[in-house]
N, C-alpha and C. Protein backbone atom coordinates (compact mmCIF):
# COMPACT_ATOMS: atom_id res chain seq x y z
N UNK A 1 45.09 61.20 28.25
CA UNK A 1 45.66 62.28 28.95
C UNK A 1 46.78 62.95 28.16
N UNK A 2 47.37 63.89 28.81
CA UNK A 2 48.43 64.68 28.19
C UNK A 2 49.77 64.07 28.56
N UNK A 3 50.58 63.81 27.53
CA UNK A 3 51.91 63.24 27.76
C UNK A 3 52.90 64.37 28.03
N UNK A 4 53.58 64.34 29.15
CA UNK A 4 54.53 65.38 29.54
C UNK A 4 55.70 65.43 28.57
N UNK A 5 56.12 64.26 28.09
CA UNK A 5 57.25 64.21 27.16
C UNK A 5 56.90 64.90 25.85
N UNK A 6 55.68 64.67 25.37
CA UNK A 6 55.25 65.33 24.12
C UNK A 6 55.18 66.84 24.31
N UNK A 7 54.64 67.29 25.42
CA UNK A 7 54.56 68.73 25.70
C UNK A 7 55.93 69.36 25.77
N UNK A 8 56.87 68.71 26.45
CA UNK A 8 58.23 69.22 26.54
C UNK A 8 58.89 69.27 25.17
N UNK A 9 58.66 68.21 24.37
CA UNK A 9 59.21 68.16 23.01
C UNK A 9 58.67 69.32 22.16
N UNK A 10 57.36 69.56 22.24
CA UNK A 10 56.76 70.63 21.45
C UNK A 10 57.27 72.01 21.87
N UNK A 11 57.44 72.21 23.16
CA UNK A 11 57.96 73.50 23.64
C UNK A 11 59.40 73.70 23.18
N UNK A 12 60.24 72.68 23.30
CA UNK A 12 61.64 72.79 22.86
C UNK A 12 61.70 72.99 21.34
N UNK A 13 60.86 72.26 20.60
CA UNK A 13 60.82 72.39 19.15
C UNK A 13 60.41 73.81 18.75
N UNK A 14 59.37 74.33 19.39
CA UNK A 14 58.91 75.69 19.10
C UNK A 14 60.01 76.71 19.38
N UNK A 15 60.68 76.59 20.51
CA UNK A 15 61.74 77.54 20.86
C UNK A 15 62.90 77.46 19.87
N UNK A 16 63.26 76.26 19.45
CA UNK A 16 64.37 76.12 18.49
C UNK A 16 64.00 76.71 17.13
N UNK A 17 62.80 76.42 16.64
CA UNK A 17 62.38 76.97 15.34
C UNK A 17 62.24 78.49 15.43
N UNK A 18 61.66 78.98 16.51
CA UNK A 18 61.53 80.42 16.69
C UNK A 18 62.90 81.09 16.73
N UNK A 19 63.84 80.50 17.45
CA UNK A 19 65.19 81.06 17.53
C UNK A 19 65.87 81.07 16.17
N UNK A 20 65.69 80.00 15.42
CA UNK A 20 66.29 79.91 14.09
C UNK A 20 65.71 80.97 13.15
N UNK A 21 64.40 81.12 13.13
CA UNK A 21 63.77 82.12 12.27
C UNK A 21 64.12 83.54 12.70
N UNK A 22 64.18 83.77 13.99
CA UNK A 22 64.58 85.08 14.50
C UNK A 22 66.02 85.40 14.10
N UNK A 23 66.88 84.39 14.14
CA UNK A 23 68.26 84.57 13.74
C UNK A 23 68.36 84.94 12.25
N UNK A 24 67.59 84.26 11.40
CA UNK A 24 67.56 84.60 9.97
C UNK A 24 67.10 86.04 9.76
N UNK A 25 66.03 86.39 10.44
CA UNK A 25 65.48 87.75 10.30
C UNK A 25 66.49 88.80 10.74
N UNK A 26 67.11 88.59 11.88
CA UNK A 26 68.10 89.56 12.38
C UNK A 26 69.32 89.64 11.47
N UNK A 27 69.74 88.52 10.90
CA UNK A 27 70.88 88.54 9.98
C UNK A 27 70.56 89.39 8.76
N UNK A 28 69.35 89.27 8.22
CA UNK A 28 68.95 90.06 7.05
C UNK A 28 68.89 91.54 7.41
N UNK A 29 68.28 91.86 8.54
CA UNK A 29 68.14 93.27 8.95
C UNK A 29 69.50 93.89 9.22
N UNK A 30 70.36 93.19 9.94
CA UNK A 30 71.68 93.74 10.29
C UNK A 30 72.55 93.89 9.04
N UNK A 31 72.46 92.96 8.11
CA UNK A 31 73.22 93.07 6.86
C UNK A 31 72.76 94.27 6.05
N UNK A 32 71.45 94.46 5.98
CA UNK A 32 70.92 95.62 5.25
C UNK A 32 71.32 96.92 5.94
N UNK A 33 71.26 96.95 7.25
CA UNK A 33 71.66 98.14 7.99
C UNK A 33 73.13 98.46 7.75
N UNK A 34 73.98 97.43 7.75
CA UNK A 34 75.41 97.65 7.54
C UNK A 34 75.68 98.19 6.15
N UNK A 35 74.97 97.68 5.13
CA UNK A 35 75.20 98.18 3.77
C UNK A 35 74.73 99.62 3.62
N UNK A 36 73.61 99.96 4.24
CA UNK A 36 73.12 101.36 4.18
C UNK A 36 74.07 102.28 4.93
N UNK A 37 74.57 101.84 6.06
CA UNK A 37 75.50 102.64 6.84
C UNK A 37 76.78 102.90 6.06
N UNK A 38 77.29 101.89 5.35
CA UNK A 38 78.48 102.08 4.51
C UNK A 38 78.20 103.03 3.36
N UNK A 39 77.01 102.93 2.76
CA UNK A 39 76.65 103.83 1.66
C UNK A 39 76.59 105.27 2.13
N UNK A 40 76.06 105.49 3.32
CA UNK A 40 75.97 106.85 3.86
C UNK A 40 77.36 107.40 4.14
N UNK A 41 78.27 106.56 4.63
CA UNK A 41 79.64 107.02 4.88
C UNK A 41 80.34 107.43 3.59
N UNK A 42 80.10 106.69 2.51
CA UNK A 42 80.77 106.97 1.23
C UNK A 42 80.10 108.08 0.44
N UNK A 43 78.90 108.47 0.83
CA UNK A 43 78.14 109.48 0.08
C UNK A 43 78.81 110.85 0.22
N UNK A 44 79.08 111.48 -0.90
CA UNK A 44 79.71 112.80 -0.90
C UNK A 44 78.66 113.91 -0.85
N UNK A 45 77.41 113.59 -1.12
CA UNK A 45 76.37 114.60 -1.21
C UNK A 45 75.78 114.91 0.16
N UNK A 46 75.60 113.90 0.98
CA UNK A 46 74.93 114.07 2.25
C UNK A 46 75.87 114.69 3.28
N UNK A 47 75.39 115.72 3.93
CA UNK A 47 76.15 116.40 4.98
C UNK A 47 75.44 116.21 6.31
N UNK A 48 75.98 116.81 7.33
CA UNK A 48 75.32 116.76 8.63
C UNK A 48 74.12 117.71 8.62
N UNK A 49 73.23 117.50 9.55
CA UNK A 49 72.03 118.34 9.62
C UNK A 49 72.41 119.79 9.90
N UNK A 50 73.39 120.00 10.76
CA UNK A 50 73.81 121.35 11.09
C UNK A 50 74.35 122.08 9.85
N UNK A 51 75.17 121.39 9.05
CA UNK A 51 75.70 122.01 7.85
C UNK A 51 74.59 122.29 6.83
N UNK A 52 73.62 121.38 6.71
CA UNK A 52 72.51 121.60 5.77
C UNK A 52 71.70 122.84 6.17
N UNK A 53 71.50 123.03 7.47
CA UNK A 53 70.76 124.21 7.93
C UNK A 53 71.57 125.48 7.65
N UNK A 54 72.87 125.42 7.90
CA UNK A 54 73.73 126.58 7.60
C UNK A 54 73.76 126.87 6.10
N UNK A 55 73.79 125.84 5.28
CA UNK A 55 73.84 126.02 3.82
C UNK A 55 72.59 126.71 3.29
N UNK A 56 71.45 126.46 3.93
CA UNK A 56 70.22 127.13 3.51
C UNK A 56 70.37 128.65 3.65
N UNK A 57 70.94 129.08 4.76
CA UNK A 57 71.09 130.52 4.99
C UNK A 57 72.30 131.10 4.25
N UNK A 58 73.35 130.31 4.09
CA UNK A 58 74.52 130.80 3.36
C UNK A 58 74.23 130.98 1.87
N UNK A 59 73.28 130.21 1.35
CA UNK A 59 72.91 130.35 -0.06
C UNK A 59 72.42 131.77 -0.34
N UNK A 60 71.69 132.32 0.61
CA UNK A 60 71.17 133.68 0.41
C UNK A 60 72.30 134.70 0.27
N UNK A 61 73.42 134.47 0.94
CA UNK A 61 74.55 135.39 0.85
C UNK A 61 75.41 135.09 -0.37
N UNK A 62 75.62 133.82 -0.66
CA UNK A 62 76.51 133.45 -1.77
C UNK A 62 75.86 133.64 -3.15
N UNK A 63 74.56 133.49 -3.24
CA UNK A 63 73.89 133.55 -4.54
C UNK A 63 74.17 134.86 -5.29
N UNK A 64 73.95 136.02 -4.70
CA UNK A 64 74.23 137.25 -5.45
C UNK A 64 75.72 137.46 -5.72
N UNK A 65 76.57 137.06 -4.77
CA UNK A 65 78.01 137.27 -4.94
C UNK A 65 78.59 136.41 -6.07
N UNK A 66 78.09 135.21 -6.20
CA UNK A 66 78.63 134.28 -7.19
C UNK A 66 77.79 134.17 -8.45
N UNK A 67 76.72 134.92 -8.53
CA UNK A 67 75.89 134.92 -9.73
C UNK A 67 75.01 133.68 -9.88
N UNK A 68 74.68 133.04 -8.75
CA UNK A 68 73.82 131.87 -8.81
C UNK A 68 72.39 132.32 -9.07
N UNK A 69 71.60 131.47 -9.74
CA UNK A 69 70.21 131.87 -10.02
C UNK A 69 69.35 131.80 -8.76
N UNK A 70 68.25 132.54 -8.80
CA UNK A 70 67.29 132.48 -7.72
C UNK A 70 66.69 131.07 -7.69
N UNK A 71 66.39 130.58 -6.50
CA UNK A 71 65.89 129.20 -6.38
C UNK A 71 64.60 128.98 -7.17
N UNK A 72 63.73 129.94 -7.16
CA UNK A 72 62.47 129.81 -7.91
C UNK A 72 62.71 129.70 -9.41
N UNK A 73 63.63 130.53 -9.93
CA UNK A 73 63.94 130.46 -11.36
C UNK A 73 64.61 129.13 -11.71
N UNK A 74 65.50 128.68 -10.84
CA UNK A 74 66.17 127.41 -11.08
C UNK A 74 65.17 126.26 -11.10
N UNK A 75 64.26 126.25 -10.15
CA UNK A 75 63.25 125.20 -10.10
C UNK A 75 62.35 125.24 -11.32
N UNK A 76 61.94 126.43 -11.73
CA UNK A 76 61.09 126.55 -12.92
C UNK A 76 61.81 126.04 -14.15
N UNK A 77 63.07 126.40 -14.30
CA UNK A 77 63.83 125.95 -15.47
C UNK A 77 64.04 124.44 -15.47
N UNK A 78 64.30 123.88 -14.30
CA UNK A 78 64.45 122.43 -14.19
C UNK A 78 63.16 121.71 -14.53
N UNK A 79 62.03 122.28 -14.11
CA UNK A 79 60.74 121.65 -14.39
C UNK A 79 60.41 121.68 -15.88
N UNK A 80 60.86 122.71 -16.58
CA UNK A 80 60.56 122.83 -18.01
C UNK A 80 61.55 122.10 -18.89
N UNK A 81 62.71 121.73 -18.38
CA UNK A 81 63.75 121.11 -19.19
C UNK A 81 63.40 119.66 -19.51
N UNK A 82 63.48 119.33 -20.80
CA UNK A 82 63.26 117.95 -21.25
C UNK A 82 64.64 117.31 -21.38
N UNK A 83 65.14 116.69 -20.32
CA UNK A 83 66.52 116.23 -20.26
C UNK A 83 66.82 115.12 -21.25
N UNK A 84 65.90 114.20 -21.44
CA UNK A 84 66.17 113.10 -22.37
C UNK A 84 65.64 113.37 -23.77
N UNK A 85 65.07 114.55 -23.97
CA UNK A 85 64.62 115.03 -25.28
C UNK A 85 63.70 114.05 -25.99
N UNK A 86 62.72 113.53 -25.25
CA UNK A 86 61.75 112.64 -25.86
C UNK A 86 60.38 113.29 -26.03
N UNK A 87 60.28 114.57 -25.66
CA UNK A 87 59.03 115.31 -25.84
C UNK A 87 58.01 115.06 -24.73
N UNK A 88 58.37 114.30 -23.71
CA UNK A 88 57.45 114.03 -22.61
C UNK A 88 57.97 114.69 -21.34
N UNK A 89 57.06 114.93 -20.40
CA UNK A 89 57.43 115.53 -19.12
C UNK A 89 58.31 114.56 -18.35
N UNK A 90 59.49 115.00 -17.97
CA UNK A 90 60.45 114.11 -17.29
C UNK A 90 60.03 113.77 -15.87
N UNK A 91 59.14 114.56 -15.27
CA UNK A 91 58.69 114.25 -13.91
C UNK A 91 57.92 112.94 -13.87
N UNK A 92 57.22 112.60 -14.94
CA UNK A 92 56.42 111.38 -14.96
C UNK A 92 57.26 110.14 -15.22
N UNK A 93 58.49 110.32 -15.67
CA UNK A 93 59.36 109.19 -15.97
C UNK A 93 60.23 108.91 -14.76
N UNK A 94 60.63 107.64 -14.62
CA UNK A 94 61.41 107.27 -13.44
C UNK A 94 62.91 107.41 -13.66
N UNK A 95 63.44 106.92 -14.75
CA UNK A 95 64.89 106.92 -14.99
C UNK A 95 65.21 107.87 -16.13
N UNK A 96 65.60 109.08 -15.76
CA UNK A 96 65.97 110.08 -16.75
C UNK A 96 67.42 110.43 -16.54
N UNK A 97 68.26 110.28 -17.56
CA UNK A 97 69.66 110.68 -17.40
C UNK A 97 69.75 112.19 -17.19
N UNK A 98 70.79 112.61 -16.53
CA UNK A 98 70.92 114.03 -16.19
C UNK A 98 72.14 114.63 -16.86
N UNK A 99 72.01 115.08 -18.11
CA UNK A 99 73.12 115.77 -18.76
C UNK A 99 73.21 117.20 -18.24
N UNK A 100 74.22 117.48 -17.46
CA UNK A 100 74.33 118.77 -16.78
C UNK A 100 74.48 119.94 -17.72
N UNK A 101 75.03 119.71 -18.91
CA UNK A 101 75.23 120.85 -19.81
C UNK A 101 73.91 121.46 -20.29
N UNK A 102 72.79 120.72 -20.22
CA UNK A 102 71.50 121.27 -20.63
C UNK A 102 70.94 122.21 -19.58
N UNK A 103 71.41 122.10 -18.38
CA UNK A 103 70.86 122.93 -17.29
C UNK A 103 71.48 124.30 -17.24
N UNK A 104 72.63 124.48 -17.86
CA UNK A 104 73.35 125.75 -17.76
C UNK A 104 72.90 126.70 -18.83
């Protein structure tokens, strides 16, 4: 027959192991979330969604006044620029340094 003590032991054992593994998983997820959240707070590039939407439309007004290039021309020039000067297309490479003086 079925021993009640063994069944109770197995259920308690399963719950303890499940709780322990769940705790490990949650600790990893929460730690990763906290580090990403801190990185986003320190990021100087990322703005709010509202400001990003406004910046899209403000670019159209600021570009002619400040002499900024047209977005299409800028994108074309960036695509053609060989930043690391190795003679290969930089889009296919993963880690390419960005010397800003070559873009101007």
